[in-house]
C-alpha atoms as a PDB file:
ATOM      1  CA  MET A   1      38.884   6.078 -24.374  1.00  0.00           C
ATOM      2  CA  ASP A   2      41.173   8.970 -25.253  1.00  0.00           C
ATOM      3  CA  GLY A   3      42.688  11.564 -22.881  1.00  0.00           C
ATOM      4  CA  PHE A   4      39.926  14.116 -23.346  1.00  0.00           C
ATOM      5  CA  GLU A   5      37.235  11.428 -22.522  1.00  0.00           C
ATOM      6  CA  GLU A   6      39.189  10.454 -19.333  1.00  0.00           C
ATOM      7  CA  LEU A   7      39.411  14.105 -18.280  1.00  0.00           C
ATOM      8  CA  SER A   8      35.647  14.477 -18.706  1.00  0.00           C
ATOM      9  CA  THR A   9      34.944  11.562 -16.366  1.00  0.00           C
ATOM     10  CA  PRO A  10      33.533  12.910 -13.026  1.00  0.00           C
ATOM     11  CA  ALA A  11      35.850  12.656 -10.087  1.00  0.00           C
ATOM     12  CA  PRO A  12      34.476  10.806  -7.038  1.00  0.00           C
ATOM     13  CA  ARG A  13      32.188  12.723  -4.737  1.00  0.00           C
ATOM     14  CA  SER A  14      33.894  11.304  -1.650  1.00  0.00           C
ATOM     15  CA  VAL A  15      36.723   9.064  -0.700  1.00  0.00           C
ATOM     16  CA  THR A  16      37.705   6.988   2.286  1.00  0.00           C
ATOM     17  CA  ALA A  17      40.532   8.091   4.513  1.00  0.00           C
ATOM     18  CA  ALA A  18      41.456   6.102   7.667  1.00  0.00           C
ATOM     19  CA  GLY A  19      38.165   4.387   7.363  1.00  0.00           C
ATOM     20  CA  VAL A  20      36.153   7.576   7.229  1.00  0.00           C
ATOM     21  CA  GLU A  21      34.260   9.001   4.294  1.00  0.00           C
ATOM     22  CA  ILE A  22      35.428  12.447   3.396  1.00  0.00           C
ATOM     23  CA  GLY A  23      34.626  14.958   0.667  1.00  0.00           C
ATOM     24  CA  ARG A  24      34.569  18.607  -0.170  1.00  0.00           C
ATOM     25  CA  GLY A  25      34.217  20.589   3.018  1.00  0.00           C
ATOM     26  CA  SER A  26      35.701  17.914   5.289  1.00  0.00           C
ATOM     27  CA  ARG A  27      38.422  19.005   7.677  1.00  0.00           C
ATOM     28  CA  VAL A  28      41.578  16.962   7.964  1.00  0.00           C
ATOM     29  CA  VAL A  29      45.007  16.840   9.372  1.00  0.00           C
ATOM     30  CA  LEU A  30      47.917  16.443   6.819  1.00  0.00           C
ATOM     31  CA  ARG A  31      50.085  13.438   7.243  1.00  0.00           C
ATOM     32  CA  PRO A  32      52.521  13.393   4.267  1.00  0.00           C
ATOM     33  CA  GLY A  33      54.130   9.986   3.432  1.00  0.00           C
ATOM     34  CA  GLU A  34      57.794   9.329   3.223  1.00  0.00           C
ATOM     35  CA  GLY A  35      59.649  10.621   0.149  1.00  0.00           C
ATOM     36  CA  GLY A  36      57.884  13.989   0.114  1.00  0.00           C
ATOM     37  CA  ASP A  37      59.706  17.304  -0.445  1.00  0.00           C
ATOM     38  CA  ILE A  38      60.390  20.039   2.006  1.00  0.00           C
ATOM     39  CA  PHE A  39      56.928  21.570   1.570  1.00  0.00           C
ATOM     40  CA  ASP A  40      55.350  18.207   2.629  1.00  0.00           C
ATOM     41  CA  ARG A  41      57.482  18.143   5.770  1.00  0.00           C
ATOM     42  CA  ALA A  42      56.611  21.732   6.553  1.00  0.00           C
ATOM     43  CA  LEU A  43      52.834  20.961   6.170  1.00  0.00           C
ATOM     44  CA  ALA A  44      52.894  17.744   8.288  1.00  0.00           C
ATOM     45  CA  GLY A  45      50.438  18.005  11.186  1.00  0.00           C
ATOM     46  CA  GLN A  46      48.644  21.109   9.819  1.00  0.00           C
ATOM     47  CA  PRO A  47      44.795  21.149   9.845  1.00  0.00           C
ATOM     48  CA  ALA A  48      43.235  21.799   6.463  1.00  0.00           C
ATOM     49  CA  LEU A  49      40.034  21.920   4.507  1.00  0.00           C
ATOM     50  CA  VAL A  50      39.248  19.758   1.551  1.00  0.00           C
ATOM     51  CA  GLU A  51      38.356  22.089  -1.316  1.00  0.00           C
ATOM     52  CA  ALA A  52      37.990  19.517  -4.112  1.00  0.00           C
ATOM     53  CA  ILE A  53      38.590  15.909  -5.221  1.00  0.00           C
ATOM     54  CA  HIS A  54      40.464  15.219  -8.467  1.00  0.00           C
ATOM     55  CA  GLU A  55      41.199  12.016 -10.348  1.00  0.00           C
ATOM     56  CA  ASP A  56      44.005  12.012 -12.919  1.00  0.00           C
ATOM     57  CA  THR A  57      44.160   9.943 -16.092  1.00  0.00           C
ATOM     58  CA  GLU A  58      45.951   7.052 -14.250  1.00  0.00           C
ATOM     59  CA  GLY A  59      43.040   6.771 -11.802  1.00  0.00           C
ATOM     60  CA  LYS A  60      44.833   8.314  -8.858  1.00  0.00           C
ATOM     61  CA  VAL A  61      42.845  10.464  -6.559  1.00  0.00           C
ATOM     62  CA  HIS A  62      44.122  13.719  -5.147  1.00  0.00           C
ATOM     63  CA  LEU A  63      42.659  15.976  -2.489  1.00  0.00           C
ATOM     64  CA  ALA A  64      43.038  19.712  -3.063  1.00  0.00           C
ATOM     65  CA  VAL A  65      43.251  21.355   0.436  1.00  0.00           C
ATOM     66  CA  THR A  66      43.715  24.749   1.941  1.00  0.00           C
ATOM     67  CA  LEU A  67      45.389  25.338   5.297  1.00  0.00           C
ATOM     68  CA  ASP A  68      43.330  26.524   8.239  1.00  0.00           C
ATOM     69  CA  ASP A  69      45.932  29.061   9.322  1.00  0.00           C
ATOM     70  CA  ASP A  70      46.688  30.412   5.833  1.00  0.00           C
ATOM     71  CA  PRO A  71      45.657  34.166   5.807  1.00  0.00           C
ATOM     72  CA  GLY A  72      45.325  33.740   2.033  1.00  0.00           C
ATOM     73  CA  ARG A  73      43.166  30.698   2.137  1.00  0.00           C
ATOM     74  CA  ASP A  74      40.478  32.267  -0.054  1.00  0.00           C
ATOM     75  CA  LEU A  75      43.148  32.413  -2.797  1.00  0.00           C
ATOM     76  CA  GLY A  76      43.587  28.630  -2.516  1.00  0.00           C
ATOM     77  CA  ALA A  77      39.864  28.168  -3.124  1.00  0.00           C
ATOM     78  CA  LYS A  78      40.415  30.198  -6.320  1.00  0.00           C
ATOM     79  CA  ARG A  79      43.140  27.763  -7.469  1.00  0.00           C
ATOM     80  CA  GLN A  80      46.080  30.042  -6.732  1.00  0.00           C
ATOM     81  CA  PRO A  81      49.301  28.051  -6.377  1.00  0.00           C
ATOM     82  CA  GLY A  82      51.025  28.497  -2.985  1.00  0.00           C
ATOM     83  CA  HIS A  83      47.744  28.420  -1.246  1.00  0.00           C
ATOM     84  CA  ARG A  84      46.253  25.155  -2.565  1.00  0.00           C
ATOM     85  CA  PHE A  85      48.026  21.844  -2.007  1.00  0.00           C
ATOM     86  CA  PHE A  86      47.440  18.265  -3.058  1.00  0.00           C
ATOM     87  CA  PHE A  87      47.617  15.075  -1.018  1.00  0.00           C
ATOM     88  CA  SER A  88      46.443  11.575  -1.480  1.00  0.00           C
ATOM     89  CA  PRO A  89      43.595  10.169   0.767  1.00  0.00           C
ATOM     90  CA  ALA A  90      46.274   8.066   2.517  1.00  0.00           C
ATOM     91  CA  GLU A  91      48.100  11.267   3.491  1.00  0.00           C
ATOM     92  CA  VAL A  92      45.331  12.822   5.504  1.00  0.00           C
ATOM     93  CA  GLU A  93      43.671  12.086   8.808  1.00  0.00           C
ATOM     94  CA  PRO A  94      39.976  13.100   9.240  1.00  0.00           C
ATOM     95  CA  LEU A  95      39.259  15.365  12.092  1.00  0.00           C
ATOM     96  CA  ALA A  96      36.840  13.775  14.599  1.00  0.00           C
ATOM     97  CA  GLY A  97      33.280  15.043  14.045  1.00  0.00           C
ATOM     98  CA  ASP A  98      34.008  16.986  10.856  1.00  0.00           C
ATOM     99  CA  ALA A  99      33.797  14.267   8.325  1.00  0.00           C
ATOM    100  CA  ASP A 100      30.441  12.816   9.252  1.00  0.00           C
ATOM    101  CA  GLY A 101      27.202  13.601   7.525  1.00  0.00           C
ATOM    102  CA  LEU A 102      28.506  14.613   4.045  1.00  0.00           C
ATOM    103  CA  PRO A 103      25.622  16.371   2.111  1.00  0.00           C
ATOM    104  CA  SER A 104      23.886  14.001  -0.359  1.00  0.00           C
ATOM    105  CA  VAL A 105      23.357  16.980  -2.824  1.00  0.00           C
ATOM    106  CA  ARG A 106      25.729  19.847  -3.531  1.00  0.00           C
ATOM    107  CA  VAL A 107      24.313  23.051  -4.857  1.00  0.00           C
ATOM    108  CA  LEU A 108      26.213  25.983  -6.213  1.00  0.00           C
ATOM    109  CA  VAL A 109      24.273  29.372  -6.116  1.00  0.00           C
ATOM    110  CA  ALA A 110      26.115  31.703  -8.483  1.00  0.00           C
ATOM    111  CA  GLY A 111      25.437  35.522  -8.462  1.00  0.00           C
ATOM    112  CA  ILE A 112      25.955  36.968 -11.926  1.00  0.00           C
ATOM    113  CA  GLY A 113      26.081  40.474 -13.206  1.00  0.00           C
ATOM    114  CA  ASN A 114      27.791  43.805 -13.625  1.00  0.00           C
ATOM    115  CA  ILE A 115      27.421  46.112 -10.589  1.00  0.00           C
ATOM    116  CA  PHE A 116      28.116  49.204 -12.825  1.00  0.00           C
ATOM    117  CA  LEU A 117      25.065  48.592 -15.022  1.00  0.00           C
ATOM    118  CA  ALA A 118      22.180  49.252 -12.674  1.00  0.00           C
ATOM    119  CA  ASP A 119      19.705  46.283 -12.571  1.00  0.00           C
ATOM    120  CA  ASP A 120      22.438  44.030 -14.115  1.00  0.00           C
ATOM    121  CA  GLY A 121      23.977  43.909 -10.758  1.00  0.00           C
ATOM    122  CA  PHE A 122      20.985  42.109  -9.339  1.00  0.00           C
ATOM    123  CA  GLY A 123      22.569  38.635  -9.026  1.00  0.00           C
ATOM    124  CA  VAL A 124      25.706  40.104  -7.310  1.00  0.00           C
ATOM    125  CA  GLU A 125      23.713  41.900  -4.736  1.00  0.00           C
ATOM    126  CA  VAL A 126      21.551  38.801  -3.913  1.00  0.00           C
ATOM    127  CA  ALA A 127      24.643  36.584  -3.589  1.00  0.00           C
ATOM    128  CA  GLN A 128      26.318  38.979  -1.216  1.00  0.00           C
ATOM    129  CA  ARG A 129      23.333  39.079   1.067  1.00  0.00           C
ATOM    130  CA  LEU A 130      22.882  35.299   0.985  1.00  0.00           C
ATOM    131  CA  GLU A 131      26.463  34.791   1.846  1.00  0.00           C
ATOM    132  CA  ARG A 132      25.816  36.504   5.202  1.00  0.00           C
ATOM    133  CA  ARG A 133      23.017  34.067   5.945  1.00  0.00           C
ATOM    134  CA  ALA A 134      23.149  30.498   7.415  1.00  0.00           C
ATOM    135  CA  LEU A 135      22.949  28.021   4.535  1.00  0.00           C
ATOM    136  CA  PRO A 136      21.701  24.406   4.412  1.00  0.00           C
ATOM    137  CA  PRO A 137      24.468  21.692   4.255  1.00  0.00           C
ATOM    138  CA  GLY A 138      25.813  21.309   0.704  1.00  0.00           C
ATOM    139  CA  VAL A 139      24.798  24.727  -0.436  1.00  0.00           C
ATOM    140  CA  GLU A 140      27.509  27.233  -1.445  1.00  0.00           C
ATOM    141  CA  VAL A 141      26.837  30.814  -2.539  1.00  0.00           C
ATOM    142  CA  LYS A 142      29.419  32.774  -4.542  1.00  0.00           C
ATOM    143  CA  ASP A 143      29.504  36.232  -6.180  1.00  0.00           C
ATOM    144  CA  PHE A 144      30.996  35.647  -9.683  1.00  0.00           C
ATOM    145  CA  GLY A 145      30.119  39.078 -11.169  1.00  0.00           C
ATOM    146  CA  ILE A 146      31.402  38.912 -14.774  1.00  0.00           C
ATOM    147  CA  ARG A 147      34.252  36.464 -14.039  1.00  0.00           C
ATOM    148  CA  GLY A 148      33.255  33.813 -16.581  1.00  0.00           C
ATOM    149  CA  MET A 149      36.428  31.648 -16.236  1.00  0.00           C
ATOM    150  CA  ASP A 150      35.954  31.474 -12.455  1.00  0.00           C
ATOM    151  CA  LEU A 151      32.442  30.105 -12.970  1.00  0.00           C
ATOM    152  CA  VAL A 152      33.718  27.636 -15.539  1.00  0.00           C
ATOM    153  CA  TYR A 153      36.102  26.071 -13.054  1.00  0.00           C
ATOM    154  CA  ALA A 154      33.569  26.161 -10.315  1.00  0.00           C
ATOM    155  CA  LEU A 155      31.041  24.265 -12.352  1.00  0.00           C
ATOM    156  CA  GLY A 156      33.547  21.351 -12.644  1.00  0.00           C
ATOM    157  CA  GLU A 157      33.887  20.924  -8.906  1.00  0.00           C
ATOM    158  CA  GLY A 158      31.277  18.242  -8.607  1.00  0.00           C
ATOM    159  CA  TYR A 159      28.009  20.035  -7.887  1.00  0.00           C
ATOM    160  CA  ASP A 160      24.778  18.351  -8.560  1.00  0.00           C
ATOM    161  CA  VAL A 161      22.743  21.593  -9.155  1.00  0.00           C
ATOM    162  CA  ALA A 162      23.734  25.042 -10.243  1.00  0.00           C
ATOM    163  CA  VAL A 163      21.475  28.020  -9.589  1.00  0.00           C
ATOM    164  CA  PHE A 164      22.246  31.210 -11.543  1.00  0.00           C
ATOM    165  CA  ILE A 165      20.858  34.421 -10.111  1.00  0.00           C
ATOM    166  CA  ASP A 166      20.725  37.048 -12.821  1.00  0.00           C
ATOM    167  CA  ALA A 167      18.838  39.968 -14.253  1.00  0.00           C
ATOM    168  CA  VAL A 168      17.145  38.829 -17.449  1.00  0.00           C
ATOM    169  CA  PRO A 169      15.128  41.007 -19.845  1.00  0.00           C
ATOM    170  CA  ARG A 170      12.174  38.861 -20.891  1.00  0.00           C
ATOM    171  CA  GLY A 171       9.381  41.469 -21.412  1.00  0.00           C
ATOM    172  CA  GLU A 172       8.022  41.219 -17.771  1.00  0.00           C
ATOM    173  CA  ALA A 173       7.515  44.372 -15.627  1.00  0.00           C
ATOM    174  CA  PRO A 174      10.752  45.407 -13.849  1.00  0.00           C
ATOM    175  CA  GLY A 175      11.057  43.622 -10.576  1.00  0.00           C
ATOM    176  CA  THR A 176       9.170  40.479 -11.696  1.00  0.00           C
ATOM    177  CA  LEU A 177      10.779  37.302 -10.241  1.00  0.00           C
ATOM    178  CA  PHE A 178      10.758  34.014 -12.058  1.00  0.00           C
ATOM    179  CA  LEU A 179      12.338  30.586 -11.884  1.00  0.00           C
ATOM    180  CA  ILE A 180      13.164  28.713 -15.116  1.00  0.00           C
ATOM    181  CA  GLU A 181      14.956  25.440 -15.948  1.00  0.00           C
ATOM    182  CA  PRO A 182      16.303  25.978 -19.320  1.00  0.00           C
ATOM    183  CA  GLU A 183      16.688  23.241 -21.889  1.00  0.00           C
ATOM    184  CA  LEU A 184      20.212  24.085 -23.006  1.00  0.00           C
ATOM    185  CA  GLU A 185      21.765  23.110 -26.306  1.00  0.00           C
ATOM    186  CA  LEU A 186      25.435  23.627 -25.430  1.00  0.00           C
ATOM    187  CA  ASP A 187      27.697  24.852 -28.150  1.00  0.00           C
ATOM    188  CA  ALA A 188      30.060  21.985 -29.121  1.00  0.00           C
ATOM    189  CA  GLY A 189      32.373  24.298 -31.184  1.00  0.00           C
ATOM    190  CA  GLU A 190      34.915  26.823 -30.044  1.00  0.00           C
ATOM    191  CA  VAL A 191      33.669  29.116 -27.236  1.00  0.00           C
ATOM    192  CA  MET A 192      35.069  32.578 -26.636  1.00  0.00           C
ATOM    193  CA  LEU A 193      34.109  34.226 -23.269  1.00  0.00           C
ATOM    194  CA  ASP A 194      33.680  37.992 -23.070  1.00  0.00           C
ATOM    195  CA  ALA A 195      36.058  39.591 -20.547  1.00  0.00           C
ATOM    196  CA  HIS A 196      33.583  42.416 -19.981  1.00  0.00           C
ATOM    197  CA  GLY A 197      30.416  40.388 -19.498  1.00  0.00           C
ATOM    198  CA  MET A 198      28.894  37.109 -18.476  1.00  0.00           C
ATOM    199  CA  ASP A 199      26.958  34.779 -20.879  1.00  0.00           C
ATOM    200  CA  PRO A 200      25.813  31.817 -18.771  1.00  0.00           C
ATOM    201  CA  VAL A 201      25.226  29.633 -21.869  1.00  0.00           C
ATOM    202  CA  LYS A 202      28.744  30.240 -23.158  1.00  0.00           C
ATOM    203  CA  VAL A 203      30.142  29.529 -19.624  1.00  0.00           C
ATOM    204  CA  LEU A 204      28.176  26.228 -19.497  1.00  0.00           C
ATOM    205  CA  SER A 205      29.368  25.258 -22.911  1.00  0.00           C
ATOM    206  CA  LEU A 206      32.989  25.774 -22.142  1.00  0.00           C
ATOM    207  CA  ALA A 207      32.651  24.048 -18.793  1.00  0.00           C
ATOM    208  CA  ALA A 208      31.001  21.065 -20.498  1.00  0.00           C
ATOM    209  CA  GLN A 209      33.961  20.876 -22.951  1.00  0.00           C
ATOM    210  CA  LEU A 210      36.453  20.767 -20.039  1.00  0.00           C
ATOM    211  CA  GLY A 211      34.588  18.207 -17.894  1.00  0.00           C
ATOM    212  CA  PRO A 212      31.374  17.206 -16.227  1.00  0.00           C
ATOM    213  CA  VAL A 213      28.858  19.985 -15.235  1.00  0.00           C
ATOM    214  CA  PRO A 214      25.929  19.874 -12.872  1.00  0.00           C
ATOM    215  CA  GLU A 215      23.059  17.717 -14.088  1.00  0.00           C
ATOM    216  CA  ARG A 216      20.506  20.323 -13.284  1.00  0.00           C
ATOM    217  CA  VAL A 217      20.761  24.116 -13.943  1.00  0.00           C
ATOM    218  CA  LEU A 218      18.237  26.659 -12.722  1.00  0.00           C
ATOM    219  CA  VAL A 219      17.974  30.386 -13.305  1.00  0.00           C
ATOM    220  CA  VAL A 220      16.396  32.597 -10.758  1.00  0.00           C
ATOM    221  CA  GLY A 221      15.813  35.881 -12.681  1.00  0.00           C
ATOM    222  CA  ARG A 222      14.525  39.395 -12.217  1.00  0.00           C
ATOM    223  CA  GLY A 223      12.752  41.258 -14.933  1.00  0.00           C
ATOM    224  CA  VAL A 224      14.609  44.488 -15.664  1.00  0.00           C
ATOM    225  CA  ASP A 225      14.050  47.855 -17.290  1.00  0.00           C
ATOM    226  CA  VAL A 226      16.999  47.833 -19.613  1.00  0.00           C
ATOM    227  CA  ALA A 227      16.502  51.545 -20.339  1.00  0.00           C
ATOM    228  CA  ALA A 228      16.338  52.895 -16.796  1.00  0.00           C
ATOM    229  CA  GLY A 229      16.534  50.116 -14.305  1.00  0.00           C
ATOM    230  CA  SER A 230      17.656  50.598 -10.681  1.00  0.00           C
ATOM    231  CA  MET A 231      18.635  48.316  -7.852  1.00  0.00           C
ATOM    232  CA  HIS A 232      16.557  49.743  -4.998  1.00  0.00           C
ATOM    233  CA  VAL A 233      15.014  46.773  -3.145  1.00  0.00           C
ATOM    234  CA  ALA A 234      15.944  43.989  -5.627  1.00  0.00           C
ATOM    235  CA  GLY A 235      17.900  41.906  -3.123  1.00  0.00           C
ATOM    236  CA  ASP A 236      15.272  42.020  -0.402  1.00  0.00           C
ATOM    237  CA  VAL A 237      12.468  41.206  -2.842  1.00  0.00           C
ATOM    238  CA  LEU A 238      14.081  38.043  -3.937  1.00  0.00           C
ATOM    239  CA  LEU A 239      15.099  36.975  -0.398  1.00  0.00           C
ATOM    240  CA  GLU A 240      11.501  37.419   0.742  1.00  0.00           C
ATOM    241  CA  GLU A 241      10.187  35.325  -2.117  1.00  0.00           C
ATOM    242  CA  VAL A 242      12.636  32.399  -1.721  1.00  0.00           C
ATOM    243  CA  ALA A 243      12.886  32.319   2.094  1.00  0.00           C
END
Protein backbone atom coordinates (compact mmCIF):
# COMPACT_ATOMS: atom_id res chain seq x y z
CA MET A 1 0.00 0.00 0.00
CA ASP A 2 1.48 3.37 -1.01
CA GLY A 3 1.00 6.73 0.74
CA PHE A 4 -1.99 7.75 -1.38
CA GLU A 5 -3.80 4.49 -0.63
CA GLU A 6 -3.13 4.97 3.08
CA LEU A 7 -4.52 8.49 2.97
CA SER A 8 -7.70 7.24 1.24
CA THR A 9 -8.41 4.79 4.09
CA PRO A 10 -11.39 6.00 6.13
CA ALA A 11 -10.60 7.28 9.62
CA PRO A 12 -12.47 5.55 12.46
CA ARG A 13 -15.97 6.86 13.15
CA SER A 14 -15.37 6.75 16.89
CA VAL A 15 -12.62 6.03 19.40
CA THR A 16 -12.46 5.12 23.06
CA ALA A 17 -11.28 7.67 25.60
CA ALA A 18 -11.20 6.82 29.30
CA GLY A 19 -13.41 3.83 28.56
CA VAL A 20 -16.08 5.89 26.78
CA GLU A 21 -16.87 5.87 23.05
CA ILE A 22 -16.57 9.36 21.55
CA GLY A 23 -16.80 10.73 18.03
CA ARG A 24 -17.58 13.85 16.06
CA GLY A 25 -19.89 16.02 18.15
CA SER A 26 -18.71 14.67 21.52
CA ARG A 27 -17.68 17.18 24.16
CA VAL A 28 -14.48 16.59 26.09
CA VAL A 29 -12.06 18.22 28.54
CA LEU A 30 -8.48 18.56 27.29
CA ARG A 31 -5.85 16.78 29.39
CA PRO A 32 -2.53 17.18 27.48
CA GLY A 33 0.18 14.68 28.34
CA GLU A 34 3.65 15.50 29.54
CA GLY A 35 6.14 16.83 27.02
CA GLY A 36 3.68 19.15 25.31
CA ASP A 37 4.41 22.72 24.30
CA ILE A 38 3.16 25.97 25.85
CA PHE A 39 -0.08 25.78 23.87
CA ASP A 40 -0.85 22.37 25.35
CA ARG A 41 -0.34 23.72 28.88
CA ALA A 42 -2.52 26.75 28.14
CA LEU A 43 -5.34 24.51 26.88
CA ALA A 44 -5.22 22.05 29.80
CA GLY A 45 -8.61 21.75 31.48
CA GLN A 46 -10.47 23.54 28.67
CA PRO A 47 -13.81 22.05 27.48
CA ALA A 48 -13.90 21.40 23.72
CA LEU A 49 -15.95 19.86 20.94
CA VAL A 50 -14.64 17.03 18.74
CA GLU A 51 -14.96 18.27 15.15
CA ALA A 52 -13.30 15.32 13.38
CA ILE A 53 -11.23 12.17 13.79
CA HIS A 54 -8.12 11.71 11.66
CA GLU A 55 -5.68 8.84 11.26
CA ASP A 56 -2.16 9.42 9.92
CA THR A 57 -0.09 7.07 7.77
CA GLU A 58 1.47 5.55 10.92
CA GLY A 59 -1.95 4.53 12.23
CA LYS A 60 -2.05 7.16 14.98
CA VAL A 61 -5.45 8.69 15.69
CA HIS A 62 -5.83 12.42 16.26
CA LEU A 63 -8.91 14.30 17.46
CA ALA A 64 -9.49 17.72 15.89
CA VAL A 65 -11.21 19.91 18.49
CA THR A 66 -12.48 23.45 18.89
CA LEU A 67 -12.69 25.20 22.26
CA ASP A 68 -16.07 25.96 23.83
CA ASP A 69 -15.06 29.51 24.80
CA ASP A 70 -13.34 30.42 21.53
CA PRO A 71 -15.33 33.28 19.93
CA GLY A 72 -13.90 32.16 16.58
CA ARG A 73 -14.90 28.54 17.04
CA ASP A 74 -16.69 28.48 13.69
CA LEU A 75 -13.33 29.20 12.06
CA GLY A 76 -11.94 26.03 13.64
CA ALA A 77 -14.73 24.02 12.04
CA LYS A 78 -13.53 25.51 8.73
CA ARG A 79 -9.99 24.18 9.38
CA GLN A 80 -8.47 27.54 10.25
CA PRO A 81 -5.23 27.18 12.27
CA GLY A 82 -5.27 28.84 15.66
CA HIS A 83 -8.87 27.76 16.21
CA ARG A 84 -8.52 24.00 15.59
CA PHE A 85 -6.30 21.85 17.79
CA PHE A 86 -5.24 18.20 17.74
CA PHE A 87 -5.02 15.78 20.65
CA SER A 88 -4.76 12.03 20.99
CA PRO A 89 -7.66 10.08 22.56
CA ALA A 90 -5.49 9.60 25.66
CA GLU A 91 -5.32 13.38 26.09
CA VAL A 92 -9.04 14.02 26.44
CA GLU A 93 -11.61 13.28 29.13
CA PRO A 94 -15.20 12.75 27.96
CA LEU A 95 -17.74 15.04 29.60
CA ALA A 96 -20.39 13.08 31.48
CA GLY A 97 -23.59 12.65 29.49
CA ASP A 98 -22.21 14.16 26.29
CA ALA A 99 -20.46 11.14 24.80
CA ASP A 100 -23.34 8.67 25.01
CA GLY A 101 -25.61 7.74 22.14
CA LEU A 102 -23.42 8.58 19.18
CA PRO A 103 -25.53 8.59 15.98
CA SER A 104 -25.29 5.38 13.96
CA VAL A 105 -25.59 7.33 10.68
CA ARG A 106 -24.14 10.74 9.86
CA VAL A 107 -25.80 12.85 7.18
CA LEU A 108 -24.51 16.03 5.56
CA VAL A 109 -27.16 18.28 3.99
CA ALA A 110 -25.38 20.72 1.69
CA GLY A 111 -27.06 23.82 0.33
CA ILE A 112 -25.55 24.69 -3.07
CA GLY A 113 -26.06 27.68 -5.33
CA ASN A 114 -25.40 31.31 -6.18
CA ILE A 115 -27.73 33.75 -4.44
CA PHE A 116 -27.06 36.37 -7.11
CA LEU A 117 -28.55 34.22 -9.89
CA ALA A 118 -32.24 34.10 -8.96
CA ASP A 119 -33.42 30.46 -8.67
CA ASP A 120 -29.84 29.22 -8.46
CA GLY A 121 -29.88 30.35 -4.82
CA PHE A 122 -32.55 27.76 -3.97
CA GLY A 123 -30.21 25.39 -2.10
CA VAL A 124 -28.69 28.22 -0.08
CA GLU A 125 -32.11 29.51 0.97
CA VAL A 126 -33.31 26.06 2.07
CA ALA A 127 -30.10 25.33 4.01
CA GLN A 128 -30.35 28.61 5.89
CA ARG A 129 -33.93 27.85 6.90
CA LEU A 130 -33.15 24.28 7.93
CA GLU A 131 -30.24 25.49 10.09
CA ARG A 132 -32.78 27.31 12.26
CA ARG A 133 -34.73 24.10 12.91
CA ALA A 134 -34.14 21.27 15.37
CA LEU A 135 -32.39 18.45 13.50
CA PRO A 136 -32.26 14.70 14.17
CA PRO A 137 -29.06 13.33 15.77
CA GLY A 138 -26.29 12.87 13.22
CA VAL A 139 -27.73 15.37 10.69
CA GLU A 140 -25.75 18.50 9.88
CA VAL A 141 -26.92 21.25 7.53
CA LYS A 142 -24.46 23.69 5.94
CA ASP A 143 -24.73 26.47 3.40
CA PHE A 144 -21.84 26.00 0.95
CA GLY A 145 -22.98 28.42 -1.73
CA ILE A 146 -20.35 28.17 -4.48
CA ARG A 147 -17.47 27.21 -2.12
CA GLY A 148 -16.46 24.00 -3.83
CA MET A 149 -13.27 23.36 -1.83
CA ASP A 150 -15.12 23.74 1.48
CA LEU A 151 -17.54 21.04 0.32
CA VAL A 152 -14.63 18.83 -0.83
CA TYR A 153 -13.15 18.88 2.67
CA ALA A 154 -16.53 18.37 4.33
CA LEU A 155 -17.23 15.25 2.26
CA GLY A 156 -14.08 13.68 3.73
CA GLU A 157 -15.24 14.11 7.34
CA GLY A 158 -16.79 10.65 7.67
CA TYR A 159 -20.40 11.16 6.61
CA ASP A 160 -22.44 8.14 5.53
CA VAL A 161 -24.87 10.11 3.34
CA ALA A 162 -24.58 13.44 1.54
CA VAL A 163 -27.72 15.29 0.44
CA PHE A 164 -27.20 18.11 -2.06
CA ILE A 165 -29.95 20.73 -2.28
CA ASP A 166 -29.69 22.53 -5.58
CA ALA A 167 -31.59 24.11 -8.45
CA VAL A 168 -31.38 21.84 -11.48
CA PRO A 169 -32.79 22.57 -14.96
CA ARG A 170 -34.26 19.21 -16.06
CA GLY A 171 -37.16 20.37 -18.20
CA GLU A 172 -39.78 20.24 -15.45
CA ALA A 173 -42.03 23.20 -14.69
CA PRO A 174 -40.38 25.80 -12.44
CA GLY A 175 -40.95 24.89 -8.78
CA THR A 176 -41.16 21.12 -9.40
CA LEU A 177 -39.40 19.21 -6.63
CA PHE A 178 -37.63 15.91 -7.15
CA LEU A 179 -35.32 13.51 -5.35
CA ILE A 180 -32.71 11.61 -7.33
CA GLU A 181 -29.91 9.22 -6.41
CA PRO A 182 -27.45 9.65 -9.25
CA GLU A 183 -25.17 6.88 -10.47
CA LEU A 184 -21.98 8.88 -10.65
CA GLU A 185 -18.97 8.00 -12.75
CA LEU A 186 -16.40 10.12 -10.97
CA ASP A 187 -13.60 11.64 -13.02
CA ALA A 188 -10.30 9.92 -12.23
CA GLY A 189 -8.24 12.54 -14.06
CA GLU A 190 -7.25 16.04 -13.07
CA VAL A 191 -10.20 17.99 -11.67
CA MET A 192 -10.36 21.79 -11.77
CA LEU A 193 -13.01 23.56 -9.70
CA ASP A 194 -14.67 26.76 -10.87
CA ALA A 195 -14.11 29.59 -8.38
CA HIS A 196 -17.34 31.24 -9.56
CA GLY A 197 -19.68 28.26 -9.52
CA MET A 198 -20.35 24.84 -8.02
CA ASP A 199 -20.33 21.60 -10.02
CA PRO A 200 -21.30 18.80 -7.56
CA VAL A 201 -19.89 16.06 -9.81
CA LYS A 202 -16.48 17.75 -9.98
CA VAL A 203 -16.56 18.33 -6.23
CA LEU A 204 -17.29 14.64 -5.60
CA SER A 205 -14.57 13.58 -8.05
CA LEU A 206 -11.95 15.70 -6.30
CA ALA A 207 -13.10 14.59 -2.85
CA ALA A 208 -12.87 10.93 -3.94
CA GLN A 209 -9.30 11.49 -5.12
CA LEU A 210 -8.34 12.96 -1.75
CA GLY A 211 -10.00 10.35 0.43
CA PRO A 212 -13.20 8.45 1.25
CA VAL A 213 -16.55 10.03 0.38
CA PRO A 214 -20.09 9.18 1.57
CA GLU A 215 -21.34 5.84 0.28
CA ARG A 216 -24.68 7.36 -0.69
CA VAL A 217 -25.31 10.70 -2.41
CA LEU A 218 -28.78 12.18 -2.95
CA VAL A 219 -29.89 15.32 -4.77
CA VAL A 220 -32.98 17.23 -3.70
CA GLY A 221 -33.62 19.47 -6.69
CA ARG A 222 -36.03 22.14 -7.81
CA GLY A 223 -36.97 22.74 -11.40
CA VAL A 224 -36.07 26.25 -12.52
CA ASP A 225 -36.87 28.68 -15.24
CA VAL A 226 -33.34 29.52 -16.28
CA ALA A 227 -34.58 32.44 -18.32
CA ALA A 228 -36.57 34.29 -15.68
CA GLY A 229 -36.61 32.29 -12.43
CA SER A 230 -37.37 33.87 -9.08
CA MET A 231 -36.97 32.65 -5.51
CA HIS A 232 -40.41 33.63 -4.08
CA VAL A 233 -41.59 30.64 -1.96
CA ALA A 234 -38.96 28.09 -2.99
CA GLY A 235 -37.69 27.41 0.53
CA ASP A 236 -41.14 27.06 2.08
CA VAL A 237 -42.29 24.70 -0.68
CA LEU A 238 -39.42 22.27 -0.11
CA LEU A 239 -39.71 22.38 3.66
CA GLU A 240 -43.40 21.54 3.44
CA GLU A 241 -42.70 18.63 1.08
CA VAL A 242 -39.93 17.04 3.17
CA ALA A 243 -41.29 17.80 6.65
